[in-house]
């Protein structure tokens, strides 16, 4: 929350939200 929230503050919420989707998808499929 702190790390991606900081990225969202600097680069916009849309790229940050897209990154969270990719993180969760990669992690879940990887598991």
ModelCIF file with pLDDT and N, C-alpha, C, O atoms, coordinates in Angstrom:
data_MODEL
#
_entry.id   MODEL 
#
_entity.id                         1 
_entity.type                       polymer 
_entity.pdbx_number_of_molecules   1 
#
_entity_poly.entity_id                      1 
_entity_poly.type                           'polypeptide(L)' 
_entity_poly.nstd_linkage                   no 
_entity_poly.nstd_monomer                   no 
_entity_poly.pdbx_seq_one_letter_code       
;(UNK)(UNK)(UNK)(UNK)(UNK)(UNK)(UNK)(UNK)(UNK)(UNK)(UNK)(UNK)(UNK)(UNK)(UNK)(UNK)
(UNK)(UNK)(UNK)(UNK)(UNK)(UNK)(UNK)(UNK)(UNK)(UNK)(UNK)(UNK)(UNK)(UNK)(UNK)
;
_entity_poly.pdbx_seq_one_letter_code_can   XXXXXXXXXXXXXXXXXXXXXXXXXXXXXXX 
_entity_poly.pdbx_strand_id                 A 
#
loop_
_entity_poly_seq.entity_id 
_entity_poly_seq.num 
_entity_poly_seq.mon_id 
_entity_poly_seq.hetero 
1 1  UNK n 
1 2  UNK n 
1 3  UNK n 
1 4  UNK n 
1 5  UNK n 
1 6  UNK n 
1 7  UNK n 
1 8  UNK n 
1 9  UNK n 
1 10 UNK n 
1 11 UNK n 
1 12 UNK n 
1 13 UNK n 
1 14 UNK n 
1 15 UNK n 
1 16 UNK n 
1 17 UNK n 
1 18 UNK n 
1 19 UNK n 
1 20 UNK n 
1 21 UNK n 
1 22 UNK n 
1 23 UNK n 
1 24 UNK n 
1 25 UNK n 
1 26 UNK n 
1 27 UNK n 
1 28 UNK n 
1 29 UNK n 
1 30 UNK n 
1 31 UNK n 
#
_struct_asym.id          A 
_struct_asym.entity_id   1 
#
loop_
_ma_qa_metric.id 
_ma_qa_metric.mode 
_ma_qa_metric.name 
_ma_qa_metric.software_group_id 
_ma_qa_metric.type 
1 global pLDDT . pLDDT 
2 local  pLDDT . pLDDT 
#
_ma_qa_metric_global.metric_id      1 
_ma_qa_metric_global.metric_value   88.16 
_ma_qa_metric_global.model_id       1 
_ma_qa_metric_global.ordinal_id     1 
#
loop_
_ma_qa_metric_local.label_asym_id 
_ma_qa_metric_local.label_comp_id 
_ma_qa_metric_local.label_seq_id 
_ma_qa_metric_local.metric_id 
_ma_qa_metric_local.metric_value 
_ma_qa_metric_local.model_id 
_ma_qa_metric_local.ordinal_id 
A UNK 1  2 89.00 1 1  
A UNK 2  2 91.00 1 2  
A UNK 3  2 91.00 1 3  
A UNK 4  2 89.00 1 4  
A UNK 5  2 88.00 1 5  
A UNK 6  2 89.00 1 6  
A UNK 7  2 88.00 1 7  
A UNK 8  2 86.00 1 8  
A UNK 9  2 86.00 1 9  
A UNK 10 2 89.00 1 10 
A UNK 11 2 87.00 1 11 
A UNK 12 2 84.00 1 12 
A UNK 13 2 81.00 1 13 
A UNK 14 2 81.00 1 14 
A UNK 15 2 86.00 1 15 
A UNK 16 2 87.00 1 16 
A UNK 17 2 83.00 1 17 
A UNK 18 2 85.00 1 18 
A UNK 19 2 90.00 1 19 
A UNK 20 2 88.00 1 20 
A UNK 21 2 85.00 1 21 
A UNK 22 2 90.00 1 22 
A UNK 23 2 91.00 1 23 
A UNK 24 2 88.00 1 24 
A UNK 25 2 88.00 1 25 
A UNK 26 2 92.00 1 26 
A UNK 27 2 93.00 1 27 
A UNK 28 2 90.00 1 28 
A UNK 29 2 91.00 1 29 
A UNK 30 2 94.00 1 30 
A UNK 31 2 93.00 1 31 
#
loop_
_atom_site.group_PDB 
_atom_site.id 
_atom_site.type_symbol 
_atom_site.label_atom_id 
_atom_site.label_alt_id 
_atom_site.label_comp_id 
_atom_site.label_asym_id 
_atom_site.label_entity_id 
_atom_site.label_seq_id 
_atom_site.pdbx_PDB_ins_code 
_atom_site.Cartn_x 
_atom_site.Cartn_y 
_atom_site.Cartn_z 
_atom_site.occupancy 
_atom_site.B_iso_or_equiv 
_atom_site.pdbx_formal_charge 
_atom_site.auth_seq_id 
_atom_site.auth_comp_id 
_atom_site.auth_asym_id 
_atom_site.auth_atom_id 
_atom_site.pdbx_PDB_model_num 
ATOM 1   N N  . UNK A 1 1  ? 0.817  -1.213  0.000   1.00 89.00 ? 1  UNK A N  1 
ATOM 2   C CA . UNK A 1 1  ? 0.000  0.000   0.000   1.00 89.00 ? 1  UNK A CA 1 
ATOM 3   C C  . UNK A 1 1  ? 0.847  1.258   0.000   1.00 89.00 ? 1  UNK A C  1 
ATOM 4   O O  . UNK A 1 1  ? 0.536  2.220   -0.703  1.00 89.00 ? 1  UNK A O  1 
ATOM 5   N N  . UNK A 1 2  ? 1.925  1.257   0.791   1.00 91.00 ? 2  UNK A N  1 
ATOM 6   C CA . UNK A 1 2  ? 2.791  2.438   0.868   1.00 91.00 ? 2  UNK A CA 1 
ATOM 7   C C  . UNK A 1 2  ? 3.592  2.628   -0.416  1.00 91.00 ? 2  UNK A C  1 
ATOM 8   O O  . UNK A 1 2  ? 3.703  3.742   -0.928  1.00 91.00 ? 2  UNK A O  1 
ATOM 9   N N  . UNK A 1 3  ? 4.150  1.533   -0.932  1.00 91.00 ? 3  UNK A N  1 
ATOM 10  C CA . UNK A 1 3  ? 5.011  1.636   -2.108  1.00 91.00 ? 3  UNK A CA 1 
ATOM 11  C C  . UNK A 1 3  ? 4.228  2.013   -3.360  1.00 91.00 ? 3  UNK A C  1 
ATOM 12  O O  . UNK A 1 3  ? 4.580  2.966   -4.056  1.00 91.00 ? 3  UNK A O  1 
ATOM 13  N N  . UNK A 1 4  ? 3.165  1.262   -3.645  1.00 89.00 ? 4  UNK A N  1 
ATOM 14  C CA . UNK A 1 4  ? 2.385  1.537   -4.858  1.00 89.00 ? 4  UNK A CA 1 
ATOM 15  C C  . UNK A 1 4  ? 1.588  2.827   -4.700  1.00 89.00 ? 4  UNK A C  1 
ATOM 16  O O  . UNK A 1 4  ? 1.339  3.528   -5.680  1.00 89.00 ? 4  UNK A O  1 
ATOM 17  N N  . UNK A 1 5  ? 1.185  3.142   -3.469  1.00 88.00 ? 5  UNK A N  1 
ATOM 18  C CA . UNK A 1 5  ? 0.517  4.420   -3.231  1.00 88.00 ? 5  UNK A CA 1 
ATOM 19  C C  . UNK A 1 5  ? 1.418  5.592   -3.575  1.00 88.00 ? 5  UNK A C  1 
ATOM 20  O O  . UNK A 1 5  ? 0.968  6.590   -4.137  1.00 88.00 ? 5  UNK A O  1 
ATOM 21  N N  . UNK A 1 6  ? 2.693  5.467   -3.236  1.00 89.00 ? 6  UNK A N  1 
ATOM 22  C CA . UNK A 1 6  ? 3.656  6.523   -3.589  1.00 89.00 ? 6  UNK A CA 1 
ATOM 23  C C  . UNK A 1 6  ? 3.797  6.643   -5.105  1.00 89.00 ? 6  UNK A C  1 
ATOM 24  O O  . UNK A 1 6  ? 3.854  7.746   -5.649  1.00 89.00 ? 6  UNK A O  1 
ATOM 25  N N  . UNK A 1 7  ? 3.853  5.488   -5.782  1.00 88.00 ? 7  UNK A N  1 
ATOM 26  C CA . UNK A 1 7  ? 3.924  5.521   -7.246  1.00 88.00 ? 7  UNK A CA 1 
ATOM 27  C C  . UNK A 1 7  ? 2.663  6.149   -7.837  1.00 88.00 ? 7  UNK A C  1 
ATOM 28  O O  . UNK A 1 7  ? 2.734  6.873   -8.831  1.00 88.00 ? 7  UNK A O  1 
ATOM 29  N N  . UNK A 1 8  ? 1.512  5.871   -7.226  1.00 86.00 ? 8  UNK A N  1 
ATOM 30  C CA . UNK A 1 8  ? 0.271  6.474   -7.693  1.00 86.00 ? 8  UNK A CA 1 
ATOM 31  C C  . UNK A 1 8  ? 0.253  7.976   -7.525  1.00 86.00 ? 8  UNK A C  1 
ATOM 32  O O  . UNK A 1 8  ? -0.268 8.697   -8.376  1.00 86.00 ? 8  UNK A O  1 
ATOM 33  N N  . UNK A 1 9  ? 0.823  8.451   -6.427  1.00 86.00 ? 9  UNK A N  1 
ATOM 34  C CA . UNK A 1 9  ? 0.901  9.897   -6.202  1.00 86.00 ? 9  UNK A CA 1 
ATOM 35  C C  . UNK A 1 9  ? 1.772  10.578  -7.256  1.00 86.00 ? 9  UNK A C  1 
ATOM 36  O O  . UNK A 1 9  ? 1.484  11.700  -7.672  1.00 86.00 ? 9  UNK A O  1 
ATOM 37  N N  . UNK A 1 10 ? 2.816  9.913   -7.678  1.00 89.00 ? 10 UNK A N  1 
ATOM 38  C CA . UNK A 1 10 ? 3.770  10.526  -8.595  1.00 89.00 ? 10 UNK A CA 1 
ATOM 39  C C  . UNK A 1 10 ? 3.403  10.340  -10.067 1.00 89.00 ? 10 UNK A C  1 
ATOM 40  O O  . UNK A 1 10 ? 3.638  11.225  -10.889 1.00 89.00 ? 10 UNK A O  1 
ATOM 41  N N  . UNK A 1 11 ? 2.826  9.184   -10.389 1.00 87.00 ? 11 UNK A N  1 
ATOM 42  C CA . UNK A 1 11 ? 2.623  8.845   -11.802 1.00 87.00 ? 11 UNK A CA 1 
ATOM 43  C C  . UNK A 1 11 ? 1.159  8.628   -12.175 1.00 87.00 ? 11 UNK A C  1 
ATOM 44  O O  . UNK A 1 11 ? 0.868  8.332   -13.333 1.00 87.00 ? 11 UNK A O  1 
ATOM 45  N N  . UNK A 1 12 ? 0.244  8.765   -11.241 1.00 84.00 ? 12 UNK A N  1 
ATOM 46  C CA . UNK A 1 12 ? -1.168 8.612   -11.548 1.00 84.00 ? 12 UNK A CA 1 
ATOM 47  C C  . UNK A 1 12 ? -1.735 7.308   -11.023 1.00 84.00 ? 12 UNK A C  1 
ATOM 48  O O  . UNK A 1 12 ? -1.021 6.316   -10.884 1.00 84.00 ? 12 UNK A O  1 
ATOM 49  N N  . UNK A 1 13 ? -3.046 7.321   -10.731 1.00 81.00 ? 13 UNK A N  1 
ATOM 50  C CA . UNK A 1 13 ? -3.688 6.145   -10.142 1.00 81.00 ? 13 UNK A CA 1 
ATOM 51  C C  . UNK A 1 13 ? -3.842 5.005   -11.144 1.00 81.00 ? 13 UNK A C  1 
ATOM 52  O O  . UNK A 1 13 ? -3.757 3.834   -10.772 1.00 81.00 ? 13 UNK A O  1 
ATOM 53  N N  . UNK A 1 14 ? -4.067 5.340   -12.405 1.00 81.00 ? 14 UNK A N  1 
ATOM 54  C CA . UNK A 1 14 ? -4.313 4.283   -13.381 1.00 81.00 ? 14 UNK A CA 1 
ATOM 55  C C  . UNK A 1 14 ? -3.103 3.365   -13.561 1.00 81.00 ? 14 UNK A C  1 
ATOM 56  O O  . UNK A 1 14 ? -3.270 2.147   -13.509 1.00 81.00 ? 14 UNK A O  1 
ATOM 57  N N  . UNK A 1 15 ? -1.889 3.892   -13.772 1.00 86.00 ? 15 UNK A N  1 
ATOM 58  C CA . UNK A 1 15 ? -0.731 2.989   -13.854 1.00 86.00 ? 15 UNK A CA 1 
ATOM 59  C C  . UNK A 1 15 ? -0.519 2.190   -12.575 1.00 86.00 ? 15 UNK A C  1 
ATOM 60  O O  . UNK A 1 15 ? -0.129 1.024   -12.621 1.00 86.00 ? 15 UNK A O  1 
ATOM 61  N N  . UNK A 1 16 ? -0.779 2.825   -11.429 1.00 87.00 ? 16 UNK A N  1 
ATOM 62  C CA . UNK A 1 16 ? -0.604 2.122   -10.162 1.00 87.00 ? 16 UNK A CA 1 
ATOM 63  C C  . UNK A 1 16 ? -1.599 0.973   -10.018 1.00 87.00 ? 16 UNK A C  1 
ATOM 64  O O  . UNK A 1 16 ? -1.233 -0.112  -9.568  1.00 87.00 ? 16 UNK A O  1 
ATOM 65  N N  . UNK A 1 17 ? -2.858 1.208   -10.398 1.00 83.00 ? 17 UNK A N  1 
ATOM 66  C CA . UNK A 1 17 ? -3.862 0.159   -10.304 1.00 83.00 ? 17 UNK A CA 1 
ATOM 67  C C  . UNK A 1 17 ? -3.567 -0.967  -11.288 1.00 83.00 ? 17 UNK A C  1 
ATOM 68  O O  . UNK A 1 17 ? -3.778 -2.138  -10.974 1.00 83.00 ? 17 UNK A O  1 
ATOM 69  N N  . UNK A 1 18 ? -3.084 -0.619  -12.466 1.00 85.00 ? 18 UNK A N  1 
ATOM 70  C CA . UNK A 1 18 ? -2.715 -1.645  -13.438 1.00 85.00 ? 18 UNK A CA 1 
ATOM 71  C C  . UNK A 1 18 ? -1.575 -2.503  -12.898 1.00 85.00 ? 18 UNK A C  1 
ATOM 72  O O  . UNK A 1 18 ? -1.554 -3.717  -13.103 1.00 85.00 ? 18 UNK A O  1 
ATOM 73  N N  . UNK A 1 19 ? -0.631 -1.873  -12.211 1.00 90.00 ? 19 UNK A N  1 
ATOM 74  C CA . UNK A 1 19 ? 0.481  -2.609  -11.625 1.00 90.00 ? 19 UNK A CA 1 
ATOM 75  C C  . UNK A 1 19 ? -0.006 -3.575  -10.546 1.00 90.00 ? 19 UNK A C  1 
ATOM 76  O O  . UNK A 1 19 ? 0.502  -4.692  -10.449 1.00 90.00 ? 19 UNK A O  1 
ATOM 77  N N  . UNK A 1 20 ? -0.979 -3.166  -9.738  1.00 88.00 ? 20 UNK A N  1 
ATOM 78  C CA . UNK A 1 20 ? -1.499 -4.070  -8.710  1.00 88.00 ? 20 UNK A CA 1 
ATOM 79  C C  . UNK A 1 20 ? -2.164 -5.292  -9.332  1.00 88.00 ? 20 UNK A C  1 
ATOM 80  O O  . UNK A 1 20 ? -2.031 -6.401  -8.814  1.00 88.00 ? 20 UNK A O  1 
ATOM 81  N N  . UNK A 1 21 ? -2.879 -5.098  -10.438 1.00 85.00 ? 21 UNK A N  1 
ATOM 82  C CA . UNK A 1 21 ? -3.521 -6.227  -11.124 1.00 85.00 ? 21 UNK A CA 1 
ATOM 83  C C  . UNK A 1 21 ? -2.462 -7.198  -11.640 1.00 85.00 ? 21 UNK A C  1 
ATOM 84  O O  . UNK A 1 21 ? -2.602 -8.413  -11.497 1.00 85.00 ? 21 UNK A O  1 
ATOM 85  N N  . UNK A 1 22 ? -1.410 -6.662  -12.236 1.00 90.00 ? 22 UNK A N  1 
ATOM 86  C CA . UNK A 1 22 ? -0.342 -7.509  -12.753 1.00 90.00 ? 22 UNK A CA 1 
ATOM 87  C C  . UNK A 1 22 ? 0.377  -8.244  -11.625 1.00 90.00 ? 22 UNK A C  1 
ATOM 88  O O  . UNK A 1 22 ? 0.711  -9.421  -11.759 1.00 90.00 ? 22 UNK A O  1 
ATOM 89  N N  . UNK A 1 23 ? 0.613  -7.548  -10.516 1.00 91.00 ? 23 UNK A N  1 
ATOM 90  C CA . UNK A 1 23 ? 1.279  -8.181  -9.374  1.00 91.00 ? 23 UNK A CA 1 
ATOM 91  C C  . UNK A 1 23 ? 0.460  -9.353  -8.848  1.00 91.00 ? 23 UNK A C  1 
ATOM 92  O O  . UNK A 1 23 ? 0.989  -10.444 -8.634  1.00 91.00 ? 23 UNK A O  1 
ATOM 93  N N  . UNK A 1 24 ? -0.827 -9.121  -8.643  1.00 88.00 ? 24 UNK A N  1 
ATOM 94  C CA . UNK A 1 24 ? -1.677 -10.174 -8.098  1.00 88.00 ? 24 UNK A CA 1 
ATOM 95  C C  . UNK A 1 24 ? -1.835 -11.315 -9.090  1.00 88.00 ? 24 UNK A C  1 
ATOM 96  O O  . UNK A 1 24 ? -1.800 -12.481 -8.700  1.00 88.00 ? 24 UNK A O  1 
ATOM 97  N N  . UNK A 1 25 ? -2.009 -10.995 -10.363 1.00 88.00 ? 25 UNK A N  1 
ATOM 98  C CA . UNK A 1 25 ? -2.178 -12.041 -11.364 1.00 88.00 ? 25 UNK A CA 1 
ATOM 99  C C  . UNK A 1 25 ? -0.944 -12.910 -11.506 1.00 88.00 ? 25 UNK A C  1 
ATOM 100 O O  . UNK A 1 25 ? -1.044 -14.137 -11.536 1.00 88.00 ? 25 UNK A O  1 
ATOM 101 N N  . UNK A 1 26 ? 0.225  -12.278 -11.592 1.00 92.00 ? 26 UNK A N  1 
ATOM 102 C CA . UNK A 1 26 ? 1.476  -13.025 -11.722 1.00 92.00 ? 26 UNK A CA 1 
ATOM 103 C C  . UNK A 1 26 ? 1.712  -13.898 -10.493 1.00 92.00 ? 26 UNK A C  1 
ATOM 104 O O  . UNK A 1 26 ? 2.108  -15.057 -10.619 1.00 92.00 ? 26 UNK A O  1 
ATOM 105 N N  . UNK A 1 27 ? 1.469  -13.345 -9.303  1.00 93.00 ? 27 UNK A N  1 
ATOM 106 C CA . UNK A 1 27 ? 1.703  -14.098 -8.066  1.00 93.00 ? 27 UNK A CA 1 
ATOM 107 C C  . UNK A 1 27 ? 0.756  -15.292 -7.954  1.00 93.00 ? 27 UNK A C  1 
ATOM 108 O O  . UNK A 1 27 ? 1.187  -16.396 -7.622  1.00 93.00 ? 27 UNK A O  1 
ATOM 109 N N  . UNK A 1 28 ? -0.530 -15.077 -8.230  1.00 90.00 ? 28 UNK A N  1 
ATOM 110 C CA . UNK A 1 28 ? -1.502 -16.151 -8.075  1.00 90.00 ? 28 UNK A CA 1 
ATOM 111 C C  . UNK A 1 28 ? -1.282 -17.266 -9.086  1.00 90.00 ? 28 UNK A C  1 
ATOM 112 O O  . UNK A 1 28 ? -1.302 -18.444 -8.730  1.00 90.00 ? 28 UNK A O  1 
ATOM 113 N N  . UNK A 1 29 ? -1.075 -16.902 -10.331 1.00 91.00 ? 29 UNK A N  1 
ATOM 114 C CA . UNK A 1 29 ? -0.815 -17.915 -11.353 1.00 91.00 ? 29 UNK A CA 1 
ATOM 115 C C  . UNK A 1 29 ? 0.518  -18.611 -11.078 1.00 91.00 ? 29 UNK A C  1 
ATOM 116 O O  . UNK A 1 29 ? 0.643  -19.820 -11.273 1.00 91.00 ? 29 UNK A O  1 
ATOM 117 N N  . UNK A 1 30 ? 1.512  -17.844 -10.624 1.00 94.00 ? 30 UNK A N  1 
ATOM 118 C CA . UNK A 1 30 ? 2.802  -18.444 -10.296 1.00 94.00 ? 30 UNK A CA 1 
ATOM 119 C C  . UNK A 1 30 ? 2.698  -19.468 -9.193  1.00 94.00 ? 30 UNK A C  1 
ATOM 120 O O  . UNK A 1 30 ? 3.322  -20.526 -9.269  1.00 94.00 ? 30 UNK A O  1 
ATOM 121 N N  . UNK A 1 31 ? 1.916  -19.170 -8.161  1.00 93.00 ? 31 UNK A N  1 
ATOM 122 C CA . UNK A 1 31 ? 1.704  -20.128 -7.073  1.00 93.00 ? 31 UNK A CA 1 
ATOM 123 C C  . UNK A 1 31 ? 1.038  -21.400 -7.607  1.00 93.00 ? 31 UNK A C  1 
ATOM 124 O O  . UNK A 1 31 ? 0.776  -22.327 -6.841  1.00 93.00 ? 31 UNK A O  1 
#
